Amino acid sequence: MNTTTNITRKQMLRGKVLILCYELKEVGAGVPLISMVLNKQNTICTEKEIADACYYLQGKKMIDFKSFCNKKADIKRDIAFITSDVIYVLEGTVVADGIMLG
């Protein structure tokens, strides 16, 4: 894949992750859930690509992670929640570099 296509794909994936996290704002979303939903929507991507997109968005302060664990089931998940700054990006009043919506 050439560089321009790769960059555009990452930007689109970040936008889709951001929109999905917004739609699930009350319950949050982990990387496996985001991956499953996006793959159902015909956005074929790996969990690593989604994790990279999430960490990029976290670096931009658009999402935060909260850790949840169930010791009985031996499950530990980092769940992504949107921050209040994201609303302006999703409304289109603020442009965020590196993120393509729509």
N, C-alpha and C. Protein backbone atom coordinates (compact mmCIF):
# COMPACT_ATOMS: atom_id res chain seq x y z
N MET A 1 0.85 -1.17 0.00
CA MET A 1 0.00 0.00 0.00
C MET A 1 0.90 1.24 0.00
N ASN A 2 0.57 2.22 -0.83
CA ASN A 2 1.43 3.39 -0.86
C ASN A 2 1.18 4.29 0.35
N THR A 3 2.06 5.22 0.56
CA THR A 3 2.03 6.05 1.77
C THR A 3 0.76 6.87 1.89
N THR A 4 0.31 7.49 0.81
CA THR A 4 -0.90 8.32 0.86
C THR A 4 -2.12 7.49 1.21
N THR A 5 -2.24 6.32 0.62
CA THR A 5 -3.36 5.44 0.91
C THR A 5 -3.32 4.98 2.36
N ASN A 6 -2.14 4.66 2.85
CA ASN A 6 -1.97 4.21 4.23
C ASN A 6 -2.36 5.31 5.22
N ILE A 7 -1.93 6.53 4.95
CA ILE A 7 -2.26 7.66 5.83
C ILE A 7 -3.76 7.92 5.82
N THR A 8 -4.37 7.90 4.64
CA THR A 8 -5.82 8.12 4.52
C THR A 8 -6.59 7.03 5.25
N ARG A 9 -6.15 5.79 5.12
CA ARG A 9 -6.80 4.67 5.82
C ARG A 9 -6.75 4.87 7.33
N LYS A 10 -5.60 5.27 7.85
CA LYS A 10 -5.48 5.52 9.29
C LYS A 10 -6.39 6.65 9.75
N GLN A 11 -6.46 7.72 8.96
CA GLN A 11 -7.31 8.85 9.31
C GLN A 11 -8.78 8.46 9.32
N MET A 12 -9.19 7.66 8.34
CA MET A 12 -10.58 7.21 8.28
C MET A 12 -10.90 6.27 9.44
N LEU A 13 -9.96 5.39 9.77
CA LEU A 13 -10.16 4.46 10.88
C LEU A 13 -10.29 5.23 12.20
N ARG A 14 -9.46 6.24 12.40
CA ARG A 14 -9.55 7.05 13.61
C ARG A 14 -10.91 7.72 13.72
N GLY A 15 -11.42 8.23 12.59
CA GLY A 15 -12.73 8.85 12.58
C GLY A 15 -13.83 7.87 12.93
N LYS A 16 -13.75 6.66 12.38
CA LYS A 16 -14.76 5.64 12.67
C LYS A 16 -14.70 5.21 14.14
N VAL A 17 -13.50 5.09 14.68
CA VAL A 17 -13.35 4.74 16.10
C VAL A 17 -13.95 5.84 16.97
N LEU A 18 -13.68 7.07 16.62
CA LEU A 18 -14.20 8.21 17.39
C LEU A 18 -15.74 8.24 17.35
N ILE A 19 -16.31 8.04 16.19
CA ILE A 19 -17.77 8.03 16.06
C ILE A 19 -18.37 6.87 16.86
N LEU A 20 -17.75 5.71 16.79
CA LEU A 20 -18.26 4.56 17.54
C LEU A 20 -18.18 4.79 19.05
N CYS A 21 -17.08 5.37 19.50
CA CYS A 21 -16.94 5.67 20.93
C CYS A 21 -18.00 6.70 21.36
N TYR A 22 -18.33 7.62 20.47
CA TYR A 22 -19.38 8.59 20.77
C TYR A 22 -20.73 7.89 20.88
N GLU A 23 -21.01 6.97 19.97
CA GLU A 23 -22.27 6.24 20.00
C GLU A 23 -22.40 5.38 21.25
N LEU A 24 -21.28 4.92 21.78
CA LEU A 24 -21.27 4.07 22.98
C LEU A 24 -20.79 4.84 24.21
N LYS A 25 -21.04 6.15 24.21
CA LYS A 25 -20.45 7.02 25.23
C LYS A 25 -20.82 6.64 26.66
N GLU A 26 -22.00 6.07 26.89
CA GLU A 26 -22.37 5.73 28.26
C GLU A 26 -21.66 4.48 28.77
N VAL A 27 -21.41 3.52 27.88
CA VAL A 27 -20.82 2.26 28.32
C VAL A 27 -19.36 2.11 27.92
N GLY A 28 -18.91 2.92 26.97
CA GLY A 28 -17.53 2.82 26.50
C GLY A 28 -17.36 1.64 25.56
N ALA A 29 -16.16 1.50 25.05
CA ALA A 29 -15.89 0.43 24.09
C ALA A 29 -14.44 0.00 24.20
N GLY A 30 -14.23 -1.29 24.26
CA GLY A 30 -12.88 -1.85 24.25
C GLY A 30 -12.45 -2.14 22.82
N VAL A 31 -11.18 -2.36 22.64
CA VAL A 31 -10.63 -2.63 21.31
C VAL A 31 -11.30 -3.85 20.65
N PRO A 32 -11.54 -4.96 21.37
CA PRO A 32 -12.20 -6.10 20.71
C PRO A 32 -13.61 -5.76 20.21
N LEU A 33 -14.36 -4.99 20.99
CA LEU A 33 -15.70 -4.60 20.57
C LEU A 33 -15.65 -3.67 19.36
N ILE A 34 -14.77 -2.70 19.40
CA ILE A 34 -14.62 -1.77 18.27
C ILE A 34 -14.26 -2.55 17.01
N SER A 35 -13.34 -3.49 17.14
CA SER A 35 -12.92 -4.30 16.00
C SER A 35 -14.08 -5.10 15.44
N MET A 36 -14.86 -5.72 16.32
CA MET A 36 -15.98 -6.53 15.88
C MET A 36 -17.03 -5.68 15.14
N VAL A 37 -17.36 -4.52 15.71
CA VAL A 37 -18.37 -3.65 15.09
C VAL A 37 -17.88 -3.13 13.73
N LEU A 38 -16.66 -2.66 13.67
CA LEU A 38 -16.14 -2.12 12.41
C LEU A 38 -16.04 -3.20 11.34
N ASN A 39 -15.64 -4.40 11.72
CA ASN A 39 -15.57 -5.48 10.75
C ASN A 39 -16.96 -5.85 10.24
N LYS A 40 -17.98 -5.76 11.11
CA LYS A 40 -19.36 -6.00 10.68
C LYS A 40 -19.82 -4.91 9.71
N GLN A 41 -19.26 -3.71 9.84
CA GLN A 41 -19.59 -2.60 8.95
C GLN A 41 -18.70 -2.59 7.70
N ASN A 42 -18.02 -3.70 7.45
CA ASN A 42 -17.14 -3.86 6.29
C ASN A 42 -15.91 -2.95 6.31
N THR A 43 -15.48 -2.56 7.50
CA THR A 43 -14.21 -1.88 7.65
C THR A 43 -13.23 -2.93 8.17
N ILE A 44 -12.53 -3.56 7.27
CA ILE A 44 -11.65 -4.66 7.64
C ILE A 44 -10.37 -4.09 8.24
N CYS A 45 -10.13 -4.45 9.50
CA CYS A 45 -8.94 -3.95 10.19
C CYS A 45 -8.59 -4.91 11.31
N THR A 46 -7.37 -4.82 11.76
CA THR A 46 -6.91 -5.68 12.84
C THR A 46 -7.10 -4.97 14.18
N GLU A 47 -7.04 -5.75 15.25
CA GLU A 47 -7.13 -5.15 16.58
C GLU A 47 -5.94 -4.24 16.85
N LYS A 48 -4.78 -4.55 16.27
CA LYS A 48 -3.62 -3.68 16.45
C LYS A 48 -3.85 -2.32 15.80
N GLU A 49 -4.44 -2.31 14.61
CA GLU A 49 -4.74 -1.04 13.94
C GLU A 49 -5.72 -0.22 14.78
N ILE A 50 -6.69 -0.88 15.38
CA ILE A 50 -7.66 -0.18 16.21
C ILE A 50 -7.00 0.33 17.48
N ALA A 51 -6.15 -0.49 18.08
CA ALA A 51 -5.43 -0.05 19.28
C ALA A 51 -4.55 1.16 18.95
N ASP A 52 -3.88 1.14 17.81
CA ASP A 52 -3.06 2.28 17.39
C ASP A 52 -3.92 3.53 17.22
N ALA A 53 -5.10 3.37 16.60
CA ALA A 53 -6.02 4.51 16.43
C ALA A 53 -6.48 5.04 17.78
N CYS A 54 -6.78 4.13 18.70
CA CYS A 54 -7.22 4.55 20.04
C CYS A 54 -6.12 5.30 20.78
N TYR A 55 -4.90 4.82 20.70
CA TYR A 55 -3.80 5.50 21.39
C TYR A 55 -3.50 6.85 20.75
N TYR A 56 -3.69 6.94 19.44
CA TYR A 56 -3.54 8.23 18.76
C TYR A 56 -4.59 9.21 19.30
N LEU A 57 -5.83 8.75 19.37
CA LEU A 57 -6.92 9.60 19.87
C LEU A 57 -6.73 9.96 21.35
N GLN A 58 -6.16 9.04 22.09
CA GLN A 58 -5.86 9.33 23.50
C GLN A 58 -4.79 10.42 23.59
N GLY A 59 -3.80 10.34 22.72
CA GLY A 59 -2.76 11.37 22.68
C GLY A 59 -3.30 12.74 22.32
N LYS A 60 -4.36 12.77 21.51
CA LYS A 60 -5.02 14.03 21.13
C LYS A 60 -6.05 14.46 22.18
N LYS A 61 -6.15 13.69 23.26
CA LYS A 61 -7.10 13.96 24.36
C LYS A 61 -8.55 13.92 23.89
N MET A 62 -8.83 13.00 22.97
CA MET A 62 -10.20 12.84 22.48
C MET A 62 -10.90 11.66 23.13
N ILE A 63 -10.11 10.69 23.59
CA ILE A 63 -10.67 9.59 24.37
C ILE A 63 -9.76 9.34 25.57
N ASP A 64 -10.35 8.78 26.59
CA ASP A 64 -9.63 8.34 27.78
C ASP A 64 -9.91 6.86 27.98
N PHE A 65 -8.99 6.18 28.60
CA PHE A 65 -9.18 4.77 28.92
C PHE A 65 -9.42 4.61 30.41
N LYS A 66 -10.34 3.72 30.74
CA LYS A 66 -10.55 3.30 32.12
C LYS A 66 -10.35 1.80 32.14
N SER A 67 -9.64 1.31 33.14
CA SER A 67 -9.39 -0.12 33.25
C SER A 67 -10.46 -0.78 34.11
N PHE A 68 -10.97 -1.89 33.63
CA PHE A 68 -11.94 -2.69 34.36
C PHE A 68 -11.42 -4.11 34.40
N CYS A 69 -11.62 -4.77 35.53
CA CYS A 69 -11.18 -6.16 35.60
C CYS A 69 -12.19 -6.99 36.39
N ASN A 70 -12.25 -8.25 36.03
CA ASN A 70 -13.06 -9.23 36.72
C ASN A 70 -12.10 -10.34 37.11
N LYS A 71 -11.74 -10.37 38.38
CA LYS A 71 -10.74 -11.33 38.83
C LYS A 71 -11.24 -12.76 38.76
N LYS A 72 -12.53 -12.97 38.99
CA LYS A 72 -13.07 -14.33 38.93
C LYS A 72 -12.97 -14.90 37.52
N ALA A 73 -13.27 -14.08 36.54
CA ALA A 73 -13.21 -14.53 35.14
C ALA A 73 -11.84 -14.28 34.52
N ASP A 74 -10.92 -13.68 35.27
CA ASP A 74 -9.58 -13.37 34.81
C ASP A 74 -9.61 -12.52 33.53
N ILE A 75 -10.43 -11.45 33.58
CA ILE A 75 -10.57 -10.54 32.44
C ILE A 75 -10.15 -9.15 32.86
N LYS A 76 -9.30 -8.54 32.04
CA LYS A 76 -8.91 -7.14 32.25
C LYS A 76 -9.06 -6.43 30.92
N ARG A 77 -9.82 -5.35 30.93
CA ARG A 77 -10.06 -4.59 29.70
C ARG A 77 -9.82 -3.11 29.94
N ASP A 78 -9.26 -2.47 28.94
CA ASP A 78 -9.17 -1.02 28.92
C ASP A 78 -10.31 -0.55 28.02
N ILE A 79 -11.21 0.24 28.60
CA ILE A 79 -12.40 0.70 27.89
C ILE A 79 -12.23 2.17 27.53
N ALA A 80 -12.49 2.50 26.27
CA ALA A 80 -12.34 3.87 25.77
C ALA A 80 -13.64 4.65 25.96
N PHE A 81 -13.52 5.85 26.49
CA PHE A 81 -14.63 6.78 26.64
C PHE A 81 -14.22 8.10 25.98
N ILE A 82 -15.17 8.76 25.33
CA ILE A 82 -14.84 10.04 24.70
C ILE A 82 -14.70 11.13 25.75
N THR A 83 -13.98 12.16 25.41
CA THR A 83 -13.84 13.33 26.27
C THR A 83 -14.80 14.42 25.78
N SER A 84 -14.97 15.44 26.55
CA SER A 84 -15.92 16.50 26.20
C SER A 84 -15.46 17.30 24.96
N ASP A 85 -14.19 17.31 24.67
CA ASP A 85 -13.68 18.06 23.51
C ASP A 85 -14.12 17.47 22.17
N VAL A 86 -14.52 16.22 22.17
CA VAL A 86 -14.84 15.52 20.93
C VAL A 86 -16.11 16.06 20.27
N ILE A 87 -17.03 16.56 21.05
CA ILE A 87 -18.31 17.03 20.51
C ILE A 87 -18.08 18.05 19.40
N TYR A 88 -17.16 18.98 19.62
CA TYR A 88 -16.89 20.02 18.62
C TYR A 88 -16.30 19.45 17.34
N VAL A 89 -15.49 18.42 17.48
CA VAL A 89 -14.91 17.76 16.31
C VAL A 89 -16.00 17.04 15.52
N LEU A 90 -16.86 16.30 16.24
CA LEU A 90 -17.92 15.55 15.58
C LEU A 90 -18.97 16.46 14.94
N GLU A 91 -19.20 17.64 15.54
CA GLU A 91 -20.13 18.60 14.95
C GLU A 91 -19.53 19.30 13.74
N GLY A 92 -18.22 19.27 13.63
CA GLY A 92 -17.54 19.92 12.52
C GLY A 92 -17.16 21.36 12.79
N THR A 93 -17.33 21.83 14.04
CA THR A 93 -16.95 23.21 14.35
C THR A 93 -15.46 23.34 14.60
N VAL A 94 -14.80 22.23 14.91
CA VAL A 94 -13.35 22.21 15.10
C VAL A 94 -12.79 21.10 14.21
N VAL A 95 -11.73 21.42 13.49
CA VAL A 95 -11.08 20.43 12.63
C VAL A 95 -9.94 19.80 13.41
N ALA A 96 -9.88 18.49 13.39
CA ALA A 96 -8.81 17.77 14.08
C ALA A 96 -7.87 17.16 13.04
N ASP A 97 -6.61 17.50 13.12
CA ASP A 97 -5.62 16.94 12.20
C ASP A 97 -5.50 15.43 12.42
N GLY A 98 -5.37 14.69 11.34
CA GLY A 98 -5.14 13.26 11.43
C GLY A 98 -6.40 12.43 11.60
N ILE A 99 -7.58 13.08 11.53
CA ILE A 99 -8.85 12.37 11.70
C ILE A 99 -9.77 12.75 10.55
N MET A 100 -10.33 11.74 9.91
CA MET A 100 -11.25 11.98 8.80
C MET A 100 -12.62 11.43 9.19
N LEU A 101 -13.61 12.30 9.25
CA LEU A 101 -14.96 11.88 9.58
C LEU A 101 -15.79 11.75 8.30
N GLY A 102 -16.73 10.82 8.34
CA GLY A 102 -17.67 10.69 7.21
C GLY A 102 -17.29 9.75 6.20
